[in-house]
Protein backbone atom coordinates (compact mmCIF):
# COMPACT_ATOMS: atom_id res chain seq x y z
CA MET A 1 -0.15 -0.05 0.40
CA VAL A 2 1.48 3.47 -1.10
CA GLN A 3 1.67 5.35 2.03
CA GLY A 4 -1.39 8.37 1.87
CA ASP A 5 -3.20 6.74 -0.52
CA LYS A 6 -6.82 7.38 1.05
CA THR A 7 -8.56 5.27 -1.98
CA LEU A 8 -6.14 2.14 -0.44
CA ILE A 9 -7.23 2.57 2.80
CA ARG A 10 -10.79 3.25 2.06
CA ASN A 11 -10.80 -0.15 0.19
CA SER A 12 -9.21 -2.10 3.16
CA ARG A 13 -12.31 -1.97 4.98
CA PRO A 14 -13.72 -4.92 5.79
CA GLU A 15 -17.08 -5.05 3.61
CA GLY A 16 -20.39 -4.02 5.41
CA ALA A 17 -18.50 -1.98 7.43
CA GLN A 18 -20.42 1.02 8.87
CA VAL A 19 -17.88 4.11 8.30
CA THR A 20 -18.96 7.10 10.89
CA SER A 21 -17.18 10.53 9.68
CA PRO A 22 -16.19 12.15 12.81
CA ILE A 23 -17.37 15.70 13.53
CA ARG A 24 -14.54 18.75 12.42
CA PHE A 25 -14.79 22.19 12.81
CA ASP A 26 -16.79 22.80 9.93
CA ASP A 27 -19.57 20.63 10.65
CA SER A 28 -19.85 21.69 14.55
CA LEU A 29 -22.20 24.55 14.47
CA PRO A 30 -24.76 22.48 11.46
CA VAL A 31 -25.04 19.71 13.76
CA PHE A 32 -25.68 21.09 17.04
CA ALA A 33 -27.75 23.03 15.29
CA SER A 34 -29.37 20.09 13.74
CA ILE A 35 -30.04 18.15 17.42
CA VAL A 36 -31.19 21.45 19.02
CA ARG A 37 -34.04 21.51 16.20
CA GLU A 38 -34.66 18.07 16.40
CA GLU A 39 -34.81 17.97 20.08
CA TRP A 40 -36.63 20.98 20.80
CA GLY A 41 -37.98 22.32 17.48
CA GLU A 42 -37.35 25.80 15.32
CA SER A 43 -38.13 28.14 17.81
CA ALA A 44 -35.10 27.01 19.90
CA LEU A 45 -32.98 28.36 17.27
CA THR A 46 -34.77 31.14 16.93
CA ASN A 47 -34.85 32.12 20.72
CA ASN A 48 -31.46 30.89 21.57
CA LEU A 49 -28.02 31.54 20.79
CA PHE A 50 -25.25 29.30 20.20
CA LEU A 51 -21.46 31.52 21.88
CA ARG A 52 -17.95 30.22 20.47
CA ASP A 53 -15.30 30.07 22.77
CA ALA A 54 -11.32 30.67 21.85
CA SER A 55 -11.39 26.94 22.06
CA GLY A 56 -13.70 26.31 19.55
CA ARG A 57 -16.13 24.97 21.92
CA LEU A 58 -19.96 25.67 21.44
CA THR A 59 -22.83 26.01 23.63
CA LEU A 60 -26.21 26.18 23.66
CA VAL A 61 -27.06 29.92 25.71
CA MET A 62 -30.51 29.49 26.64
CA LEU A 63 -32.17 33.44 26.73
CA LYS A 64 -35.74 31.98 27.85
CA ASN A 65 -35.59 29.59 31.13
CA ASP A 66 -38.68 27.34 29.53
CA ARG A 67 -36.58 23.75 29.81
CA THR A 68 -36.33 21.48 32.51
CA GLN A 69 -33.23 20.24 33.91
CA GLU A 70 -34.60 16.95 32.50
CA GLU A 71 -34.79 18.10 28.88
CA ARG A 72 -31.72 20.38 29.29
CA GLY A 73 -29.31 17.57 30.61
CA ALA A 74 -30.82 14.79 27.83
CA LEU A 75 -30.07 17.44 24.94
CA ALA A 76 -26.05 18.06 26.49
CA ALA A 77 -25.53 14.97 27.09
CA ARG A 78 -26.83 14.19 22.87
CA ALA A 79 -24.90 17.46 21.90
CA VAL A 80 -21.61 15.73 23.54
CA GLU A 81 -22.05 12.35 22.48
CA THR A 82 -22.21 13.36 18.86
CA LEU A 83 -19.94 17.02 18.93
CA GLY A 84 -17.00 15.09 21.13
CA SER A 85 -14.34 17.80 21.32
CA TYR A 86 -16.76 20.67 20.31
CA VAL A 87 -18.75 20.86 22.91
CA ASP A 88 -18.27 22.07 26.39
CA LYS A 89 -18.15 18.82 28.68
CA GLY A 90 -17.92 20.62 31.97
CA GLY A 91 -21.76 21.37 32.18
CA PHE A 92 -22.03 23.93 29.94
CA ALA A 93 -23.16 22.14 26.44
CA VAL A 94 -26.52 23.68 27.36
CA ALA A 95 -26.29 26.87 30.17
CA SER A 96 -27.75 30.69 30.83
CA PRO A 97 -25.79 33.92 30.78
CA ASN A 98 -25.93 33.62 34.83
CA GLU A 99 -24.17 30.33 34.63
CA LEU A 100 -21.47 30.95 31.93
CA PHE A 101 -21.46 34.61 34.15
CA ASP A 102 -21.63 36.61 30.82
CA ASP A 103 -24.59 39.06 30.73
CA SER A 104 -23.80 40.37 27.21
CA LEU A 105 -25.02 37.49 26.40
CA ARG A 106 -28.76 38.19 27.58
CA ASP A 107 -28.97 40.54 24.67
CA LEU A 108 -29.73 38.62 21.47
CA SER A 109 -29.12 41.70 19.07
CA LEU A 110 -25.38 41.63 19.76
CA ALA A 111 -25.24 38.14 18.29
CA VAL A 112 -24.94 37.90 13.98
CA SER A 113 -27.66 35.87 12.38
CA LEU A 114 -25.20 33.23 10.26
CA ARG A 115 -26.06 31.28 7.46
CA VAL A 116 -24.95 27.97 8.13
CA SER A 117 -25.34 24.62 5.93
CA ASN A 118 -24.43 21.23 6.05
CA PRO A 119 -26.89 17.62 4.53
CA ARG A 120 -28.07 17.80 8.55
CA PHE A 121 -29.29 21.32 8.72
CA GLU A 122 -29.91 24.50 6.68
CA GLY A 123 -30.58 27.65 7.97
CA ASN A 124 -29.88 30.81 9.91
CA VAL A 125 -28.68 30.27 14.03
CA ASN A 126 -27.55 33.58 16.11
CA PHE A 127 -24.27 33.01 17.23
CA VAL A 128 -21.61 34.87 18.90
CA ASP A 129 -17.64 34.08 18.35
CA ARG A 130 -14.73 34.34 21.27
CA ARG A 131 -11.52 34.38 19.81
CA MET A 132 -8.09 35.23 21.34
CA VAL A 133 -7.06 36.37 18.12
CA GLY A 134 -8.66 38.15 14.84
CA ALA A 135 -11.41 39.20 17.55
CA ASP A 136 -11.88 42.34 15.06
CA TRP A 137 -12.68 40.46 12.45
CA LEU A 138 -16.21 40.67 14.53
CA ARG A 139 -16.72 44.27 14.98
CA SER A 140 -19.58 46.33 13.10
CA PRO A 141 -17.83 47.93 10.14
CA GLU A 142 -17.30 51.68 11.12
CA PRO A 143 -19.25 54.08 9.48
CA PRO A 144 -17.90 56.23 6.71
CA ALA A 145 -15.90 58.87 8.72
CA GLY A 146 -16.24 61.69 6.72
CA ALA A 147 -13.34 64.51 6.29
CA PRO A 148 -10.10 63.89 5.80
CA ALA A 149 -11.42 61.21 3.09
CA ARG A 150 -9.66 58.10 3.62
CA PHE A 151 -8.41 55.51 1.37
CA VAL A 152 -7.08 51.70 2.28
CA PHE A 153 -4.74 50.12 0.04
CA SER A 154 -5.76 46.33 0.98
CA SER A 155 -4.54 42.95 -1.33
CA LEU A 156 -4.63 39.24 -0.36
CA LYS A 157 -1.08 38.84 -1.55
CA GLY A 158 2.06 41.02 -2.48
CA GLY A 159 3.81 42.09 -5.20
CA VAL A 160 0.42 43.85 -6.96
CA GLY A 161 1.19 46.99 -6.87
CA ARG A 162 -0.83 48.74 -3.80
CA SER A 163 2.37 50.34 -2.44
CA THR A 164 3.29 51.63 -5.87
CA ALA A 165 -0.42 52.92 -6.17
CA LEU A 166 -0.60 54.39 -2.90
CA CYS A 167 2.86 56.16 -3.97
CA VAL A 168 0.60 57.57 -7.56
CA LEU A 169 -2.37 58.91 -5.31
CA ALA A 170 0.00 60.48 -2.73
CA ALA A 171 1.82 62.20 -5.57
CA HIS A 172 -1.02 63.25 -7.66
CA LEU A 173 -3.05 64.37 -4.53
CA ALA A 174 0.06 66.56 -3.92
CA SER A 175 0.49 67.98 -7.42
CA SER A 176 -3.02 69.97 -6.81
CA GLY A 177 -1.73 71.23 -3.37
CA ARG A 178 -3.70 68.57 -1.30
CA ARG A 179 -2.41 67.42 2.05
CA VAL A 180 -1.77 63.62 2.27
CA LEU A 181 -0.83 62.00 5.56
CA ALA A 182 0.46 58.30 4.46
CA ILE A 183 0.60 55.62 7.11
CA ASP A 184 1.92 52.30 6.69
CA MET A 185 0.42 49.13 8.12
CA ASP A 186 2.29 46.56 6.96
CA LEU A 187 4.70 46.37 9.62
CA GLU A 188 6.40 42.58 8.68
CA ALA A 189 6.95 44.40 4.95
CA PRO A 190 7.52 47.65 5.29
CA GLY A 191 7.59 49.84 2.18
CA LEU A 192 6.70 53.52 2.26
CA GLY A 193 9.34 54.91 4.77
CA ASN A 194 11.51 53.35 1.44
CA LEU A 195 9.67 55.01 -0.93
CA LEU A 196 8.54 58.17 0.30
CA LEU A 197 11.19 58.91 3.28
CA PRO A 198 15.20 59.79 2.39
CA ASP A 199 17.29 59.17 5.66
CA GLU A 200 17.20 62.70 6.96
CA THR A 201 13.58 62.99 7.14
CA LEU A 202 13.13 59.39 8.57
CA PRO A 203 11.07 60.15 11.73
CA GLU A 204 12.64 59.25 14.87
CA PHE A 205 9.97 56.61 15.27
CA GLY A 206 7.13 54.80 13.63
CA LEU A 207 4.16 52.62 13.45
CA LEU A 208 5.71 49.53 15.38
CA ASP A 209 6.86 51.92 17.86
CA TYR A 210 3.37 53.67 18.59
CA LEU A 211 1.90 49.93 19.11
CA VAL A 212 4.47 48.54 21.82
CA GLU A 213 4.35 51.68 23.50
CA LEU A 214 0.62 51.39 23.85
CA GLU A 215 1.46 48.16 25.06
CA ALA A 216 3.67 48.30 27.60
CA GLY A 217 0.58 51.02 28.46
CA SER A 218 3.40 53.75 28.28
CA GLU A 219 2.97 57.60 28.30
CA LEU A 220 2.70 58.97 24.96
CA GLY A 221 2.28 63.05 24.80
CA GLU A 222 2.37 65.66 21.94
CA GLU A 223 6.28 65.13 21.39
CA PHE A 224 6.00 61.42 20.73
CA PHE A 225 3.45 61.91 18.21
CA LEU A 226 5.35 64.72 16.48
CA ASP A 227 7.79 62.10 16.07
CA VAL A 228 6.59 59.58 14.68
CA VAL A 229 5.88 61.49 10.88
CA GLY A 230 8.03 62.64 8.35
CA PRO A 231 7.92 64.56 5.54
CA SER A 232 7.98 63.31 1.95
CA TRP A 233 9.92 65.52 -0.72
CA LEU A 234 6.31 64.53 -2.79
CA GLY A 235 4.66 68.18 -1.40
CA GLY A 236 6.92 70.00 -4.56
CA GLY A 237 6.40 73.25 -3.09
CA ARG A 238 2.17 72.41 -3.61
CA GLY A 239 0.65 70.53 -0.98
CA ARG A 240 1.86 68.27 1.55
CA VAL A 241 2.81 64.79 1.93
CA ASP A 242 3.64 63.13 5.74
CA VAL A 243 3.96 59.70 6.02
CA ILE A 244 4.35 57.12 9.42
CA PRO A 245 6.24 54.86 8.23
CA ALA A 246 6.78 51.27 9.93
CA ILE A 247 9.84 51.10 10.74
CA GLY A 248 11.62 54.39 12.24
CA ARG A 249 15.36 55.55 12.89
CA ARG A 250 15.27 54.02 16.43
CA SER A 251 13.85 50.74 14.70
CA LEU A 252 17.33 51.06 12.11
CA LEU A 253 19.99 51.76 15.29
CA TYR A 254 18.64 48.88 17.30
CA PRO A 255 17.70 46.39 14.07
CA ALA A 256 18.05 43.65 16.55
CA ASN A 257 15.11 44.63 18.54
CA VAL A 258 12.62 44.25 15.35
CA LEU A 259 11.31 41.15 16.09
CA ALA A 260 11.34 41.60 19.40
CA LYS A 261 8.59 44.47 18.56
CA LEU A 262 6.56 42.61 15.86
CA ALA A 263 5.89 40.08 19.03
CA ARG A 264 4.11 42.60 21.04
CA ALA A 265 3.06 45.19 18.22
CA TYR A 266 -0.43 43.10 17.78
CA LEU A 267 -0.88 42.02 21.46
CA ALA A 268 -3.74 43.69 23.47
CA GLY A 269 -2.87 47.16 25.29
CA SER A 270 -4.53 50.07 27.29
CA GLY A 271 -6.70 52.78 25.86
CA PRO A 272 -7.15 56.19 27.38
CA ASP A 273 -9.64 54.79 29.29
CA GLY A 274 -7.88 51.96 31.13
CA GLU A 275 -9.43 49.50 29.24
CA THR A 276 -8.53 46.93 27.18
CA ALA A 277 -7.63 48.09 23.49
CA THR A 278 -7.14 45.99 20.51
CA PHE A 279 -4.72 46.42 17.39
CA SER A 280 -7.97 48.16 15.60
CA ASP A 281 -8.84 50.07 18.44
CA HIS A 282 -5.11 51.84 18.82
CA MET A 283 -5.24 52.04 14.57
CA ARG A 284 -7.99 54.16 15.02
CA MET A 285 -6.93 56.34 17.95
CA LEU A 286 -3.77 57.07 15.75
CA VAL A 287 -5.62 57.73 12.48
CA GLU A 288 -8.44 60.29 14.66
CA ARG A 289 -5.55 62.04 15.92
CA TYR A 290 -4.24 63.37 12.49
CA ALA A 291 -7.52 63.12 11.13
CA ILE A 292 -8.37 67.27 11.36
CA PRO A 293 -9.42 68.35 8.07
CA THR A 294 -7.49 71.43 8.41
CA ARG A 295 -4.36 69.55 8.88
CA TYR A 296 -5.13 67.00 5.94
CA ASP A 297 -6.84 66.58 2.76
CA SER A 298 -6.90 62.48 2.76
CA ILE A 299 -5.35 59.35 4.37
CA LEU A 300 -3.80 56.69 2.72
CA VAL A 301 -3.36 53.79 4.06
CA ASP A 302 -1.34 50.69 2.87
CA ALA A 303 -2.49 47.71 4.67
CA ARG A 304 -0.29 44.12 5.71
CA ALA A 305 -1.29 41.57 3.06
CA GLY A 306 -3.74 38.66 3.15
CA LEU A 307 -6.60 37.89 5.52
CA HIS A 308 -4.80 38.99 9.01
CA GLU A 309 -5.98 39.47 12.20
CA THR A 310 -4.65 43.10 11.91
CA THR A 311 -6.28 43.63 8.13
CA ALA A 312 -9.98 43.66 9.68
CA ALA A 313 -8.49 47.28 11.69
CA ALA A 314 -7.96 48.50 8.02
CA ILE A 315 -10.89 46.90 6.32
CA VAL A 316 -13.73 47.11 8.85
CA GLY A 317 -12.03 49.54 11.33
CA LEU A 318 -11.35 52.94 9.31
CA GLY A 319 -14.53 54.22 7.97
CA GLY A 320 -12.79 54.47 4.63
CA GLU A 321 -13.14 53.69 0.75
CA VAL A 322 -11.61 50.22 1.00
CA LEU A 323 -9.26 49.29 -2.83
CA LEU A 324 -9.06 45.54 -2.90
CA PHE A 325 -6.07 44.51 -5.58
CA GLY A 326 -5.91 42.22 -7.29
CA MET A 327 -4.46 40.47 -10.59
CA ASP A 328 -6.43 37.89 -12.20
CA GLN A 329 -5.62 34.77 -11.01
CA PRO A 330 -6.88 31.80 -9.17
CA GLN A 331 -5.77 32.60 -5.67
CA THR A 332 -7.24 36.15 -5.85
CA PHE A 333 -10.75 34.95 -6.90
CA ALA A 334 -10.33 31.97 -4.32
CA GLY A 335 -9.12 34.50 -1.50
CA TYR A 336 -11.50 36.96 -1.91
CA GLU A 337 -14.78 34.16 -1.84
CA LEU A 338 -13.15 33.98 1.76
CA LEU A 339 -13.12 37.35 2.63
CA PHE A 340 -16.33 38.34 1.21
CA ALA A 341 -18.14 35.33 2.63
CA HIS A 342 -16.74 36.22 6.09
CA LEU A 343 -17.94 39.72 5.21
CA ALA A 344 -21.19 39.07 4.63
CA THR A 345 -21.68 37.68 8.47
CA LEU A 346 -20.94 40.67 9.63
CA ARG A 347 -23.45 43.36 11.49
CA ALA A 348 -23.87 46.82 11.14
CA ASP A 349 -26.41 49.93 10.94
CA THR A 350 -28.87 50.17 8.16
CA ASP A 351 -27.95 53.47 7.61
CA ASN A 352 -24.49 52.16 6.79
CA ASP A 353 -23.72 51.52 3.50
CA TRP A 354 -20.03 50.47 4.29
CA GLN A 355 -20.12 46.95 1.55
CA ASN A 356 -20.66 50.15 -1.49
CA ARG A 357 -17.30 51.45 -0.33
CA LEU A 358 -15.56 48.18 -1.26
CA HIS A 359 -13.69 49.05 -4.69
CA ILE A 360 -12.50 46.26 -6.42
CA VAL A 361 -9.06 47.34 -8.60
CA GLN A 362 -7.82 45.07 -11.10
CA ALA A 363 -4.28 45.81 -10.37
CA LYS A 364 -1.55 44.96 -13.85
CA ALA A 365 -4.20 45.34 -15.91
CA PRO A 366 -3.91 44.62 -19.68
CA VAL A 367 -4.75 46.82 -22.00
CA ASP A 368 -7.56 44.88 -23.96
CA PRO A 369 -11.04 46.22 -22.23
CA GLN A 370 -12.27 42.87 -22.88
CA SER A 371 -9.68 40.82 -21.02
CA ARG A 372 -10.42 44.12 -17.79
CA SER A 373 -14.06 43.04 -18.29
CA ARG A 374 -13.70 39.78 -17.86
CA PHE A 375 -11.75 40.05 -14.51
CA PHE A 376 -14.69 42.43 -13.18
CA ASP A 377 -17.55 40.67 -13.90
CA ARG A 378 -16.38 37.25 -12.47
CA MET A 379 -15.10 39.64 -9.40
CA SER A 380 -18.30 41.30 -8.98
CA LEU A 381 -20.01 37.96 -8.86
CA LEU A 382 -18.40 37.04 -6.39
CA ARG A 383 -18.95 39.96 -4.30
CA ASP A 384 -23.03 39.81 -4.98
CA LYS A 385 -22.33 36.18 -3.88
CA TYR A 386 -21.84 37.52 -0.03
CA LEU A 387 -22.89 41.16 -0.28
CA ALA A 388 -25.38 43.51 -0.72
CA VAL A 389 -23.65 46.23 -3.15
CA ALA A 390 -26.19 48.90 -4.55
CA SER A 391 -25.68 49.76 -7.62
CA HIS A 392 -23.56 52.71 -8.85
CA ARG A 393 -25.14 54.79 -11.53
CA LEU A 394 -23.60 57.89 -13.09
CA GLN A 395 -25.85 60.27 -14.49
CA VAL A 396 -25.68 61.85 -17.61
CA LYS A 397 -25.59 65.65 -17.71
CA MET A 398 -26.99 65.61 -21.89
CA ASP A 399 -29.75 67.37 -23.97
CA PRO A 400 -32.05 64.19 -24.56
CA SER A 401 -32.60 65.52 -28.29
CA ALA A 402 -28.93 65.21 -28.91
CA LEU A 403 -29.50 61.13 -28.55
CA ARG A 404 -32.38 61.08 -31.53
CA GLU A 405 -29.21 60.63 -33.80
CA THR A 406 -27.97 57.70 -31.57
CA PHE A 407 -30.93 55.49 -30.71
CA GLU A 408 -33.02 53.99 -33.86
CA VAL A 409 -36.19 54.22 -31.46
CA ASP A 410 -38.73 57.15 -31.00
CA TRP A 411 -39.70 58.37 -27.80
CA ASP A 412 -42.06 61.50 -26.15
CA GLU A 413 -39.73 63.66 -25.24
CA THR A 414 -42.58 65.20 -22.60
CA ASP A 415 -42.07 61.30 -20.64
CA SER A 416 -39.66 62.91 -18.13
CA ASP A 417 -39.40 58.98 -16.73
CA ALA A 418 -38.27 57.09 -19.68
CA VAL A 419 -35.45 59.71 -21.12
CA GLU A 420 -34.45 59.76 -16.89
CA GLU A 421 -34.11 56.14 -17.20
CA LEU A 422 -32.48 56.43 -20.73
CA LEU A 423 -29.74 59.05 -19.46
CA ASP A 424 -29.08 56.55 -16.52
CA VAL A 425 -25.97 55.02 -17.39
CA GLU A 426 -24.16 52.59 -15.06
CA SER A 427 -20.42 53.67 -13.91
CA PRO A 428 -17.61 50.81 -14.09
CA THR A 429 -17.93 48.41 -11.04
CA ALA A 430 -13.95 48.74 -10.68
CA LEU A 431 -11.28 49.89 -11.53
CA SER A 432 -7.99 49.17 -13.47
CA ILE A 433 -4.38 50.08 -12.87
CA ILE A 434 -2.81 49.63 -16.20
CA GLU A 435 0.16 47.30 -16.54
CA ASP A 436 3.45 49.44 -17.15
CA ASP A 437 6.81 47.95 -17.20
CA ARG A 438 7.80 51.63 -16.33
CA PHE A 439 6.79 50.82 -12.57
CA ARG A 440 7.93 47.72 -12.07
CA ALA A 441 11.46 48.56 -10.52
CA PHE A 442 9.46 51.54 -8.03
CA ASP A 443 11.79 53.08 -6.97
CA PRO A 444 11.29 56.91 -6.46
CA LEU A 445 13.93 57.88 -4.62
CA VAL A 446 16.17 57.27 -7.29
CA ASP A 447 13.78 58.20 -10.12
CA ARG A 448 11.45 61.07 -9.01
CA LYS A 449 9.53 61.94 -12.39
CA ILE A 450 8.41 58.45 -12.10
CA LEU A 451 5.96 60.15 -10.19
CA SER A 452 4.90 63.05 -12.26
CA SER A 453 1.91 63.66 -14.09
CA SER A 454 3.08 62.21 -17.79
CA ALA A 455 4.42 59.09 -16.12
CA TYR A 456 1.52 57.53 -14.33
CA SER A 457 -2.34 58.95 -15.92
CA ALA A 458 -2.37 56.63 -18.20
CA SER A 459 -2.17 53.82 -15.83
CA TYR A 460 -3.87 55.27 -12.75
CA GLY A 461 -6.53 57.43 -14.34
CA GLU A 462 -9.30 55.33 -13.15
CA LEU A 463 -8.07 55.47 -9.48
CA ILE A 464 -7.16 58.94 -10.02
CA ASP A 465 -10.61 59.75 -10.81
CA MET A 466 -12.29 57.89 -8.46
CA ALA A 467 -10.30 59.33 -5.42
CA GLU A 468 -11.36 62.95 -6.51
CA GLY A 469 -14.62 61.75 -6.90
CA VAL A 470 -14.83 61.08 -3.14
CA LEU A 471 -13.09 64.10 -2.19
CA ILE A 472 -15.31 66.09 -4.50
CA ALA A 473 -18.33 65.06 -2.67
CA LEU A 474 -17.09 65.37 0.84
CA ALA A 475 -15.97 69.00 -0.02
CA ASP A 476 -19.57 69.31 -1.04
CA ALA A 477 -20.98 67.61 2.05
CA ARG A 478 -19.48 69.71 4.38
CA SER A 479 -20.10 73.17 2.29
CA THR A 480 -24.27 72.26 2.83
């Protein structure tokens, strides 16, 4: 028998032997839900919730004391027998908030209505997840932040030109007199400091130092926050670009300490009120400190690549426009399906249109528009499978009579509804950044002309137009 050949292993079982598949993580919640429905009926799923603890064990939390001890004991015993290690065996397979010493579980509105499915169960359950890491992925998305505009550059893998695009947008905004703050959140693969800050303007500290000092409970005065920002050469006498790098000058002086700092940067620390604060809290506090419209017109954030727990702080925690970079490759579609499926489980206020602030960006896109269209269609279908994204429409300002020669149809110009429907033209659902060989070895400190409009306007035009639209809308909103 060849080692690892599962087909041979399965075929070696005695004929007629019963095969029982073990319960795995993905099975545990739907199987528990099926047991509850079989024992107590559908209403038990509607009126109660499931809690998953940090170890992955499940508890049915009873919000109504409408079952006898015998009924609870029978349900718990069946759950333990069926689910094994995926249910709490210490008498808490079925428990009330009192028994769990957790009053927060009394509020059913804090649970997520989660759609689960397997051969034994398909339907919605009320669900609360508890995690040691990645808890920020469970938070409700922040509402739109307002001015200054916030743009998050995110991707599931490196090498897609995410940081390059951020530098291009920063250069464009500065060239038109805007004031920009760029923040490098990619602690393990820092880049913005190297791209935008010469050695003489690299600040004493970086984002890494900010996070470590917070975790240690250090007092961070105004002087520290002045020493975490460095001015870039990109302003060029018109606008201004400041940078909070991931790594500051202090870390370069003591490079042996960087990995030790990284080991502590993601830990929960203390907020200004003394309560525990997560990575997302720390990032929001930092951004809010600098998010003053009289200081900056826009804040550009370079998020860490992948689905790391800290990526949640950028995608759902800052209230910004989120640019989701990807190339036309299988891993792009596979990775974004995981992200969209998770985002679909998040709660948000009904007036929070955070899903419409997710922008698909095809990086290194081909010149051929049909190839770009295929990518957008596939990504849009994937996004719409999980997320209820409203249709964005671009109102075309045009004299209706000008369309007479364009469309071979007859219409009554007095029928304003028909004319308005015809003039509603759908805007692009995604952005393209056309591949340009000049940006392959991107190093603006060596070749500063690469960040001139003549170099980037053709490839990055759609990104720039989108950002300009956001800035104009915010300016209009502030003026009314």
